[in-house]
Protein backbone atom coordinates (compact mmCIF):
# COMPACT_ATOMS: atom_id res chain seq x y z
CA MET A 1 -17.51 3.80 16.17
CA VAL A 2 -20.19 1.93 14.32
CA GLN A 3 -23.66 3.10 15.17
CA LEU A 4 -26.45 0.51 15.06
CA SER A 5 -30.23 1.17 15.24
CA ALA A 6 -32.19 -0.51 18.06
CA SER A 7 -33.88 -2.89 15.61
CA ARG A 8 -30.58 -3.89 14.02
CA ARG A 9 -29.00 -4.38 17.41
CA ALA A 10 -31.92 -6.64 18.45
CA ALA A 11 -31.66 -8.59 15.15
CA LEU A 12 -27.92 -9.15 15.66
CA ARG A 13 -28.52 -10.25 19.24
CA THR A 14 -31.18 -12.76 18.08
CA GLU A 15 -28.88 -14.16 15.43
CA LEU A 16 -26.00 -14.62 17.86
CA LEU A 17 -28.30 -16.40 20.35
CA ASN A 18 -29.50 -18.71 17.55
CA LEU A 19 -25.88 -19.55 16.68
CA LEU A 20 -25.10 -20.37 20.31
CA ARG A 21 -28.14 -22.60 20.60
CA ASN A 22 -27.03 -24.58 17.52
CA LEU A 23 -23.52 -25.12 18.93
CA GLU A 24 -22.06 -25.81 15.41
CA PRO A 25 -18.47 -24.35 15.61
CA ASP A 26 -17.81 -24.18 11.88
CA LEU A 27 -21.09 -22.52 11.23
CA ILE A 28 -20.71 -20.05 14.14
CA GLY A 29 -17.32 -18.90 12.80
CA ILE A 30 -18.67 -18.33 9.31
CA ARG A 31 -21.77 -16.42 10.49
CA ILE A 32 -19.77 -14.32 12.97
CA ASN A 33 -17.41 -13.32 10.10
CA ALA A 34 -20.42 -12.43 7.89
CA LEU A 35 -22.03 -10.38 10.71
CA LEU A 36 -18.81 -8.50 11.44
CA ALA A 37 -18.43 -7.71 7.69
CA GLU A 38 -21.96 -6.48 7.59
CA VAL A 39 -21.70 -4.33 10.81
CA LEU A 40 -18.28 -2.79 9.85
CA GLY A 41 -19.23 -2.16 6.32
CA ASP A 42 -16.47 -4.38 5.01
CA ALA A 43 -16.61 -6.71 2.07
CA PRO A 44 -17.90 -10.22 3.03
CA LEU A 45 -15.20 -12.24 4.70
CA THR A 46 -16.38 -15.40 3.11
CA ALA A 47 -15.29 -14.74 -0.43
CA THR A 48 -16.01 -17.50 -2.98
CA LEU A 49 -13.69 -19.07 -5.56
CA THR A 50 -14.26 -18.83 -9.28
CA LEU A 51 -13.76 -21.84 -11.51
CA GLU A 52 -10.45 -20.36 -12.68
CA GLU A 53 -8.95 -20.00 -9.20
CA ALA A 54 -7.18 -22.55 -6.97
CA PRO A 55 -6.57 -25.33 -9.40
CA GLU A 56 -5.24 -27.49 -6.56
CA ALA A 57 -8.77 -27.51 -5.17
CA ALA A 58 -10.47 -28.73 -8.36
CA ASP A 59 -10.35 -32.38 -7.21
CA HIS A 60 -12.65 -31.45 -4.28
CA ARG A 61 -15.17 -29.35 -6.23
CA VAL A 62 -18.31 -30.76 -7.78
CA VAL A 63 -20.02 -29.24 -10.85
CA VAL A 64 -23.19 -29.89 -12.81
CA THR A 65 -22.51 -30.74 -16.52
CA GLY A 66 -25.94 -32.10 -17.68
CA ILE A 67 -29.60 -31.90 -16.72
CA GLY A 68 -32.44 -34.20 -17.77
CA VAL A 69 -36.09 -33.52 -16.72
CA VAL A 70 -39.41 -35.27 -17.22
CA SER A 71 -42.11 -33.11 -15.64
CA PRO A 72 -45.82 -32.26 -15.85
CA PHE A 73 -44.69 -29.68 -18.48
CA GLY A 74 -43.52 -32.48 -20.72
CA VAL A 75 -40.36 -34.40 -21.62
CA GLY A 76 -37.14 -32.47 -21.67
CA VAL A 77 -35.47 -29.36 -20.16
CA ALA A 78 -36.94 -26.98 -22.82
CA PRO A 79 -40.65 -27.49 -21.98
CA PHE A 80 -39.77 -27.58 -18.39
CA TRP A 81 -38.00 -24.20 -18.41
CA ASP A 82 -40.54 -22.71 -20.80
CA GLY A 83 -43.36 -23.49 -18.44
CA LEU A 84 -41.65 -22.23 -15.41
CA ALA A 85 -40.65 -18.94 -17.08
CA ALA A 86 -44.11 -18.39 -18.37
CA GLY A 87 -45.66 -19.00 -14.99
CA ARG A 88 -47.92 -21.61 -16.50
CA SER A 89 -49.82 -24.27 -14.39
CA ALA A 90 -49.38 -27.90 -15.54
CA ILE A 91 -51.99 -29.18 -13.13
CA SER A 92 -55.16 -30.94 -14.54
CA ARG A 93 -57.80 -33.51 -13.66
CA ILE A 94 -56.39 -37.01 -13.18
CA THR A 95 -56.85 -39.10 -16.24
CA CYS A 96 -55.12 -42.42 -15.46
CA PHE A 97 -58.06 -43.62 -13.32
CA ASP A 98 -61.39 -42.22 -12.24
CA PRO A 99 -60.73 -39.83 -9.41
CA SER A 100 -64.41 -39.00 -8.74
CA PRO A 101 -64.74 -40.81 -5.37
CA TYR A 102 -61.91 -38.71 -3.82
CA PRO A 103 -61.92 -35.23 -2.37
CA CYS A 104 -58.81 -34.38 -4.51
CA GLN A 105 -59.23 -35.13 -8.15
CA ILE A 106 -56.27 -33.33 -9.73
CA ALA A 107 -52.55 -33.87 -10.26
CA GLY A 108 -49.51 -32.84 -12.16
CA GLN A 109 -49.27 -35.60 -14.71
CA VAL A 110 -46.49 -36.10 -17.30
CA PRO A 111 -48.04 -35.71 -20.82
CA ASP A 112 -47.03 -37.62 -23.84
CA PHE A 113 -44.36 -39.84 -22.33
CA THR A 114 -43.35 -42.78 -24.44
CA PRO A 115 -40.90 -45.04 -22.55
CA GLN A 116 -39.79 -46.82 -25.78
CA HIS A 117 -38.12 -43.60 -26.85
CA PHE A 118 -35.54 -44.15 -24.10
CA MET A 119 -35.43 -47.92 -23.57
CA ASP A 120 -36.40 -51.26 -24.93
CA GLY A 121 -40.17 -51.87 -24.91
CA LYS A 122 -39.82 -55.28 -23.16
CA GLU A 123 -37.56 -53.72 -20.45
CA ALA A 124 -39.90 -50.84 -20.01
CA ARG A 125 -42.89 -53.18 -19.38
CA ARG A 126 -40.99 -54.85 -16.58
CA MET A 127 -40.15 -51.74 -14.65
CA SER A 128 -42.21 -49.19 -12.67
CA ARG A 129 -43.21 -45.88 -14.18
CA SER A 130 -40.88 -44.08 -11.72
CA SER A 131 -37.95 -46.13 -13.05
CA GLN A 132 -39.02 -45.39 -16.64
CA LEU A 133 -39.02 -41.62 -15.80
CA ALA A 134 -35.65 -41.94 -14.16
CA VAL A 135 -34.06 -43.68 -17.04
CA ALA A 136 -35.45 -41.13 -19.52
CA ALA A 137 -34.15 -38.22 -17.43
CA ALA A 138 -30.76 -39.93 -17.10
CA ARG A 139 -30.38 -40.46 -20.82
CA MET A 140 -31.19 -36.82 -21.51
CA ALA A 141 -28.74 -35.61 -18.86
CA VAL A 142 -25.91 -37.74 -20.26
CA GLU A 143 -26.62 -36.44 -23.70
CA ALA A 144 -26.66 -32.85 -22.46
CA ALA A 145 -23.35 -33.35 -20.67
CA ASP A 146 -21.79 -34.95 -23.76
CA LEU A 147 -20.70 -37.78 -21.42
CA ARG A 148 -19.24 -40.87 -23.03
CA ILE A 149 -19.95 -44.12 -21.14
CA ASP A 150 -17.74 -46.95 -22.41
CA ALA A 151 -15.48 -49.72 -21.11
CA GLY A 152 -12.89 -47.21 -20.00
CA SER A 153 -15.18 -44.92 -18.06
CA ARG A 154 -18.16 -46.89 -16.80
CA GLU A 155 -16.52 -48.07 -13.52
CA ALA A 156 -15.97 -44.40 -12.48
CA ILE A 157 -19.62 -43.45 -13.15
CA GLY A 158 -22.23 -44.14 -10.56
CA ALA A 159 -26.00 -43.49 -9.88
CA LEU A 160 -27.74 -42.17 -6.79
CA VAL A 161 -31.47 -41.62 -7.27
CA GLY A 162 -34.05 -40.69 -4.61
CA CYS A 163 -37.56 -42.17 -4.57
CA GLY A 164 -39.81 -41.09 -1.73
CA THR A 165 -41.89 -44.32 -1.46
CA THR A 166 -42.48 -47.52 -3.25
CA SER A 167 -44.22 -47.65 -6.65
CA MET A 168 -47.78 -47.02 -5.67
CA PRO A 169 -49.40 -48.11 -8.99
CA ASP A 170 -47.52 -51.43 -8.82
CA VAL A 171 -48.55 -51.97 -5.21
CA GLU A 172 -52.10 -51.23 -6.13
CA GLN A 173 -52.13 -53.66 -9.04
CA ALA A 174 -50.57 -56.38 -6.89
CA VAL A 175 -53.13 -55.97 -4.10
CA THR A 176 -55.98 -55.99 -6.61
CA THR A 177 -54.56 -59.23 -8.14
CA LEU A 178 -54.19 -60.79 -4.63
CA VAL A 179 -57.75 -60.04 -3.69
CA LYS A 180 -59.33 -61.12 -6.99
CA ARG A 181 -57.16 -63.92 -8.23
CA GLY A 182 -54.84 -64.94 -5.37
CA GLY A 183 -51.26 -64.39 -4.42
CA MET A 184 -49.80 -66.82 -7.02
CA LYS A 185 -51.17 -64.61 -9.78
CA ILE A 186 -49.09 -61.62 -8.75
CA SER A 187 -46.61 -60.48 -11.39
CA PRO A 188 -43.03 -61.83 -10.87
CA PHE A 189 -41.92 -58.35 -11.66
CA PHE A 190 -43.82 -56.69 -8.83
CA ILE A 191 -41.03 -56.86 -6.21
CA PRO A 192 -38.30 -55.62 -8.60
CA ALA A 193 -40.62 -52.81 -9.63
CA ALA A 194 -41.60 -51.72 -6.25
CA ILE A 195 -38.26 -51.71 -4.38
CA PRO A 196 -37.49 -48.01 -3.66
CA HIS A 197 -33.94 -48.15 -4.96
CA MET A 198 -34.93 -49.60 -8.38
CA PRO A 199 -34.97 -46.25 -10.23
CA ALA A 200 -31.30 -45.91 -9.29
CA ALA A 201 -30.64 -49.53 -10.25
CA GLN A 202 -32.44 -49.24 -13.53
CA VAL A 203 -30.39 -46.12 -14.41
CA ALA A 204 -27.29 -48.17 -13.89
CA ILE A 205 -28.57 -51.20 -15.76
CA GLN A 206 -29.96 -49.34 -18.74
CA LEU A 207 -26.92 -47.02 -19.10
CA GLY A 208 -24.32 -49.68 -18.20
CA LEU A 209 -22.86 -48.04 -15.15
CA HIS A 210 -20.48 -50.17 -13.11
CA GLY A 211 -19.53 -47.54 -10.45
CA TYR A 212 -21.13 -46.53 -7.14
CA LEU A 213 -24.81 -47.37 -6.75
CA SER A 214 -27.16 -46.22 -3.96
CA ALA A 215 -30.58 -44.56 -3.33
CA THR A 216 -32.34 -42.34 -0.87
CA SER A 217 -35.88 -42.90 0.32
CA THR A 218 -36.45 -39.86 2.51
CA ALA A 219 -39.96 -38.83 1.41
CA CYS A 220 -40.08 -35.39 -0.10
CA ALA A 221 -36.41 -34.68 0.52
CA ALA A 222 -35.18 -37.75 -1.32
CA GLY A 223 -34.26 -36.07 -4.58
CA ALA A 224 -32.30 -33.26 -2.96
CA GLN A 225 -30.58 -35.63 -0.56
CA ALA A 226 -29.58 -37.90 -3.47
CA ILE A 227 -27.87 -35.03 -5.12
CA GLY A 228 -26.11 -33.86 -2.03
CA GLU A 229 -24.93 -37.35 -1.10
CA ALA A 230 -23.72 -38.05 -4.67
CA ALA A 231 -21.51 -34.90 -4.43
CA GLU A 232 -20.01 -36.42 -1.25
CA VAL A 233 -19.34 -39.67 -3.13
CA ILE A 234 -17.34 -37.79 -5.70
CA ARG A 235 -15.49 -35.77 -3.04
CA ARG A 236 -14.31 -38.78 -1.13
CA GLY A 237 -13.01 -40.39 -4.31
CA ASP A 238 -15.59 -43.17 -4.90
CA ALA A 239 -16.55 -41.81 -8.28
CA GLU A 240 -15.56 -39.26 -10.89
CA VAL A 241 -19.07 -38.77 -12.19
CA MET A 242 -22.51 -39.38 -10.60
CA LEU A 243 -25.96 -39.44 -12.15
CA ALA A 244 -27.99 -38.11 -9.26
CA GLY A 245 -31.64 -36.93 -8.76
CA GLY A 246 -35.04 -38.25 -8.01
CA ALA A 247 -38.05 -39.96 -9.57
CA GLU A 248 -41.59 -40.54 -8.49
CA ALA A 249 -44.86 -41.71 -10.10
CA PRO A 250 -47.34 -41.79 -7.23
CA ILE A 251 -50.54 -41.10 -9.04
CA ALA A 252 -52.75 -44.02 -8.20
CA ALA A 253 -56.01 -44.49 -6.33
CA LEU A 254 -54.18 -46.10 -3.42
CA SER A 255 -51.92 -43.12 -2.83
CA LEU A 256 -54.51 -40.56 -3.59
CA GLY A 257 -56.95 -42.01 -1.09
CA ALA A 258 -54.17 -42.44 1.51
CA PHE A 259 -53.12 -38.77 1.18
CA CYS A 260 -56.78 -37.61 1.25
CA VAL A 261 -57.50 -39.34 4.52
CA LEU A 262 -54.32 -37.77 5.85
CA ARG A 263 -55.93 -34.38 4.85
CA ALA A 264 -52.74 -33.33 3.11
CA LEU A 265 -54.12 -32.63 -0.37
CA SER A 266 -55.97 -29.67 -1.85
CA THR A 267 -59.71 -30.33 -2.19
CA GLN A 268 -61.30 -26.99 -2.86
CA ARG A 269 -60.44 -26.37 -6.56
CA ASN A 270 -61.11 -29.52 -8.49
CA ALA A 271 -63.13 -27.48 -10.99
CA GLN A 272 -60.19 -25.05 -11.44
CA PRO A 273 -57.11 -27.29 -11.18
CA THR A 274 -54.72 -24.64 -12.42
CA THR A 275 -55.51 -22.47 -9.39
CA ALA A 276 -55.28 -25.22 -6.74
CA SER A 277 -51.55 -25.06 -5.74
CA ARG A 278 -51.06 -21.67 -4.17
CA PRO A 279 -48.07 -21.55 -1.77
CA PHE A 280 -48.09 -18.72 0.74
CA ASP A 281 -51.58 -17.64 -0.21
CA ALA A 282 -54.12 -17.13 2.52
CA HIS A 283 -56.50 -19.63 0.87
CA ARG A 284 -54.04 -22.56 0.31
CA ASP A 285 -55.55 -25.84 1.48
CA GLY A 286 -53.06 -28.58 0.79
CA PHE A 287 -50.64 -29.84 -1.88
CA VAL A 288 -51.43 -31.19 -5.33
CA PRO A 289 -49.70 -34.53 -6.17
CA GLY A 290 -47.46 -34.79 -9.20
CA GLU A 291 -45.09 -37.11 -10.92
CA GLY A 292 -41.75 -36.70 -12.76
CA ALA A 293 -38.06 -37.12 -12.57
CA ALA A 294 -34.80 -35.09 -12.80
CA ILE A 295 -31.26 -36.36 -13.09
CA LEU A 296 -28.15 -34.18 -12.84
CA VAL A 297 -24.78 -35.16 -14.09
CA LEU A 298 -22.41 -34.29 -11.23
CA GLU A 299 -18.72 -34.35 -11.95
CA ARG A 300 -15.41 -33.66 -10.31
CA LEU A 301 -14.29 -30.31 -11.58
CA SER A 302 -10.88 -31.59 -12.70
CA HIS A 303 -12.54 -34.37 -14.65
CA ALA A 304 -15.02 -31.96 -16.29
CA ARG A 305 -12.22 -29.65 -17.32
CA GLN A 306 -10.12 -32.51 -18.67
CA ARG A 307 -12.91 -33.62 -21.13
CA GLY A 308 -14.08 -30.13 -21.91
CA ALA A 309 -17.55 -30.65 -20.49
CA PRO A 310 -20.14 -27.89 -20.37
CA ILE A 311 -20.22 -26.59 -16.77
CA LEU A 312 -23.75 -25.37 -15.88
CA ALA A 313 -23.25 -24.55 -12.18
CA GLU A 314 -21.26 -25.62 -9.10
CA LEU A 315 -22.79 -27.47 -6.17
CA VAL A 316 -21.07 -25.69 -3.31
CA GLY A 317 -23.20 -26.46 -0.30
CA TYR A 318 -25.33 -29.19 1.21
CA GLY A 319 -26.99 -29.46 4.65
CA VAL A 320 -29.23 -32.12 6.26
CA CYS A 321 -30.80 -32.39 9.71
CA ALA A 322 -33.90 -33.66 11.51
CA ASP A 323 -36.77 -31.89 13.10
CA ALA A 324 -37.33 -34.82 15.50
CA TYR A 325 -40.82 -33.36 15.94
CA HIS A 326 -43.66 -35.41 14.16
CA VAL A 327 -44.21 -38.05 11.52
CA THR A 328 -45.87 -35.70 9.07
CA ALA A 329 -45.97 -32.12 10.40
CA PRO A 330 -43.00 -29.82 10.31
CA ASP A 331 -41.61 -28.12 13.44
CA PRO A 332 -44.05 -25.11 13.42
CA ASP A 333 -41.20 -22.74 14.40
CA GLY A 334 -39.03 -23.91 11.53
CA HIS A 335 -35.94 -24.68 13.56
CA GLY A 336 -35.00 -27.85 11.71
CA ALA A 337 -35.37 -26.19 8.33
CA ALA A 338 -33.26 -23.24 9.57
CA ARG A 339 -30.54 -25.63 10.80
CA ALA A 340 -30.35 -27.33 7.36
CA MET A 341 -30.06 -23.94 5.60
CA ARG A 342 -27.31 -22.83 8.00
CA ARG A 343 -25.43 -26.12 7.57
CA ALA A 344 -25.73 -25.77 3.82
CA LEU A 345 -24.39 -22.27 3.86
CA ALA A 346 -21.65 -23.25 6.24
CA SER A 347 -20.46 -26.02 3.87
CA ALA A 348 -20.51 -23.54 1.05
CA LYS A 349 -18.56 -20.98 3.18
CA LEU A 350 -21.14 -18.41 2.38
CA GLY A 351 -23.05 -15.90 4.47
CA PRO A 352 -26.84 -15.48 4.16
CA GLN A 353 -26.48 -12.13 2.41
CA GLN A 354 -24.55 -13.73 -0.39
CA VAL A 355 -27.61 -15.70 -1.39
CA ASP A 356 -29.50 -14.14 -4.37
CA TYR A 357 -32.50 -16.50 -4.61
CA ILE A 358 -34.25 -19.15 -2.55
CA ASN A 359 -36.19 -21.95 -4.28
CA ALA A 360 -38.65 -22.78 -1.53
CA HIS A 361 -39.95 -26.24 -0.68
CA ALA A 362 -43.43 -24.49 -0.26
CA THR A 363 -45.97 -27.24 -0.84
CA SER A 364 -49.05 -25.06 -0.49
CA THR A 365 -49.98 -26.56 2.94
CA PRO A 366 -50.96 -24.25 5.71
CA ALA A 367 -48.40 -25.51 8.25
CA GLY A 368 -45.50 -26.10 5.89
CA ASP A 369 -45.38 -22.72 4.11
CA LEU A 370 -45.57 -20.92 7.41
CA ALA A 371 -42.83 -23.01 9.00
CA GLU A 372 -40.58 -22.36 6.02
CA THR A 373 -41.20 -18.69 6.11
CA ARG A 374 -40.19 -18.61 9.81
CA ALA A 375 -37.04 -20.63 9.10
CA ILE A 376 -35.95 -18.21 6.35
CA LYS A 377 -36.38 -15.31 8.84
CA GLN A 378 -34.28 -17.07 11.43
CA VAL A 379 -31.43 -17.70 8.98
CA PHE A 380 -31.55 -14.41 7.00
CA GLY A 381 -32.68 -11.94 9.59
CA GLU A 382 -33.64 -8.54 8.05
CA TYR A 383 -32.25 -9.73 4.66
CA ALA A 384 -35.13 -12.26 4.54
CA TYR A 385 -37.30 -9.33 3.40
CA SER A 386 -34.95 -8.57 0.49
CA VAL A 387 -34.04 -11.96 -0.88
CA PRO A 388 -36.44 -13.22 -3.60
CA ILE A 389 -38.15 -16.56 -2.87
CA SER A 390 -40.42 -18.59 -5.26
CA ALA A 391 -42.26 -21.89 -5.28
CA ASN A 392 -42.07 -24.13 -8.38
CA LYS A 393 -44.86 -26.36 -6.82
CA SER A 394 -47.39 -23.64 -7.62
CA MET A 395 -47.07 -24.64 -11.29
CA PHE A 396 -46.60 -28.39 -11.40
CA GLY A 397 -47.62 -29.67 -7.89
CA HIS A 398 -45.57 -31.78 -5.40
CA LEU A 399 -43.51 -34.42 -7.05
CA THR A 400 -42.66 -35.92 -3.62
CA GLY A 401 -39.42 -37.96 -3.92
CA ALA A 402 -38.65 -36.29 -7.25
CA ALA A 403 -39.44 -32.77 -6.03
CA GLY A 404 -35.97 -31.82 -4.63
CA ALA A 405 -34.23 -32.95 -7.80
CA VAL A 406 -36.75 -31.26 -10.20
CA GLU A 407 -36.43 -28.01 -8.18
CA ALA A 408 -32.61 -28.30 -8.12
CA ALA A 409 -32.81 -28.41 -11.91
CA ALA A 410 -35.06 -25.36 -11.86
CA THR A 411 -32.64 -23.52 -9.50
CA ILE A 412 -29.71 -24.17 -11.87
CA LEU A 413 -31.75 -22.97 -14.84
CA ALA A 414 -32.69 -19.87 -13.01
CA LEU A 415 -28.99 -19.12 -12.47
CA ARG A 416 -28.27 -19.85 -16.10
CA HIS A 417 -31.06 -17.68 -17.48
CA SER A 418 -30.84 -14.84 -14.92
CA LEU A 419 -34.63 -15.30 -14.32
CA ILE A 420 -36.57 -16.21 -11.18
CA PRO A 421 -39.61 -18.31 -11.89
CA PRO A 422 -42.73 -17.03 -10.14
CA THR A 423 -45.03 -18.26 -7.38
CA ILE A 424 -48.29 -18.37 -9.24
CA ASN A 425 -51.83 -18.16 -7.68
CA LEU A 426 -50.46 -15.87 -4.97
CA GLU A 427 -53.49 -13.57 -4.98
CA GLU A 428 -54.11 -12.87 -1.25
CA PRO A 429 -50.94 -13.40 0.70
CA ASP A 430 -51.13 -14.94 4.10
CA PRO A 431 -50.28 -12.04 6.50
CA ALA A 432 -47.94 -14.38 8.32
CA CYS A 433 -46.09 -15.20 5.07
CA ASP A 434 -44.86 -11.68 4.37
CA LEU A 435 -41.64 -12.16 2.40
CA ASP A 436 -40.91 -11.53 -1.34
CA TYR A 437 -42.31 -14.66 -3.00
CA VAL A 438 -42.03 -13.28 -6.64
CA PRO A 439 -45.84 -13.43 -7.15
CA ASN A 440 -47.31 -14.48 -10.45
CA ASP A 441 -44.69 -13.20 -12.91
CA ALA A 442 -41.14 -14.25 -13.49
CA ARG A 443 -38.51 -11.67 -12.58
CA PRO A 444 -35.15 -10.92 -14.32
CA ALA A 445 -32.33 -10.90 -11.78
CA ASN A 446 -28.53 -11.18 -11.69
CA LEU A 447 -28.04 -14.40 -9.78
CA GLU A 448 -24.77 -15.73 -8.44
CA VAL A 449 -25.83 -18.02 -5.59
CA ALA A 450 -29.12 -19.77 -5.05
CA ILE A 451 -30.40 -22.37 -2.59
CA SER A 452 -33.03 -25.07 -2.98
CA ASN A 453 -34.96 -26.34 0.05
CA SER A 454 -36.53 -29.74 0.40
CA PHE A 455 -38.37 -30.95 3.49
CA GLY A 456 -39.98 -34.35 4.01
CA PHE A 457 -42.23 -36.39 6.29
CA GLY A 458 -40.50 -37.56 9.44
CA GLY A 459 -38.88 -34.23 9.78
CA VAL A 460 -35.99 -34.60 7.28
CA ASN A 461 -34.57 -31.39 5.88
CA ALA A 462 -32.21 -31.20 2.97
CA VAL A 463 -30.76 -27.93 1.42
CA LEU A 464 -28.60 -27.56 -1.63
CA VAL A 465 -26.54 -24.44 -2.56
CA PHE A 466 -25.59 -23.77 -6.17
CA ARG A 467 -23.32 -21.14 -7.58
CA GLN A 468 -23.15 -19.68 -11.07
CA ALA A 469 -20.38 -21.12 -13.25
CA HIS A 470 -17.82 -18.57 -14.49
């Protein structure tokens, strides 16, 4: 007879009650299997497949074969990963306009970006900065994947890119022109630049993709949701390959002022910008805005094998749900975030104890970080205190619509390098945020499965699950 401690019995009871409240049959079955395996001391009942197993399933599996990143660390995957691994902050005083009138004067800005390195100069001038970043990331991802785009393949390759809002710099410029010179002086390229799906459209235009095209505009979950939905496009047969991710360039007086009056931004460390983003710290006071883009090449496993593509990771799980709570604030108890994590694990056919690392959404806001901590505890139970968690935003800020894609790239790189990037500036942990957040220094670890959380305004929750490629 299995003997359980009183605390473990109470934890199991809480977990089962949570499952019943969710009323998700597939998820309930998977979690019950995992709980039985844990209690009885058996091997997990939700064993995963390796890339060599079950060849008949290869048409339904989606792998990552290329990554392109433009971030506040610089242009390319190498500076991005080097910055993360070193635990270095890329946040500085805003330089693209004078931020002095605003309570927040800092951001994560992309340095040394030259659009003409990735596209025709005339084309670049006619598109938004977010589209420029997306095209650059897409070209780097395609090159990394050794993906040939030609007349024979372009109809099977699509694009799905998330952008959280419109192009704020272009809106600001158009409004200024309207007020000073009248509406007929507004640029004819304003509308094409400002449409939220234009980063996806420009990726298709500039790379000559004739396949599936769409976009997500779900605030800070947009990049993650674009990746998850792109995988579904492949699974249902509408594409063989998808360029998927997110792009955002929100650094403008209009957006800075709007977020300041919303009281969402950090305002206490303008003189020390590298210390401003501090997820889970007792003295966190809001997020730091940032810009960037990340594009993943997602590919049907059978297609990737056929062309001998480099397989970086497998996207095995995806879950989305709504808080239905508030337009900006998360559900304080974290129930929506927990549901999204459970759904993602259910789609991956994994139990919580098979997760080796959590890349947290963790924006450095008082309410958000606490809600996410509570959500992780609901899903992972006692194991929540053992699984390592870290927050990339501590180093480069919150890239809003691009955040989920950039952090998905970071999660895959963590799997590839067997290294967990740290949560920097975690000097005095919030007593209510009491999990293992990998403070201040990167940590070597054998990683098989990792999840990436993304939560957005309006209560949208999107979670991705990646597995090491073997």
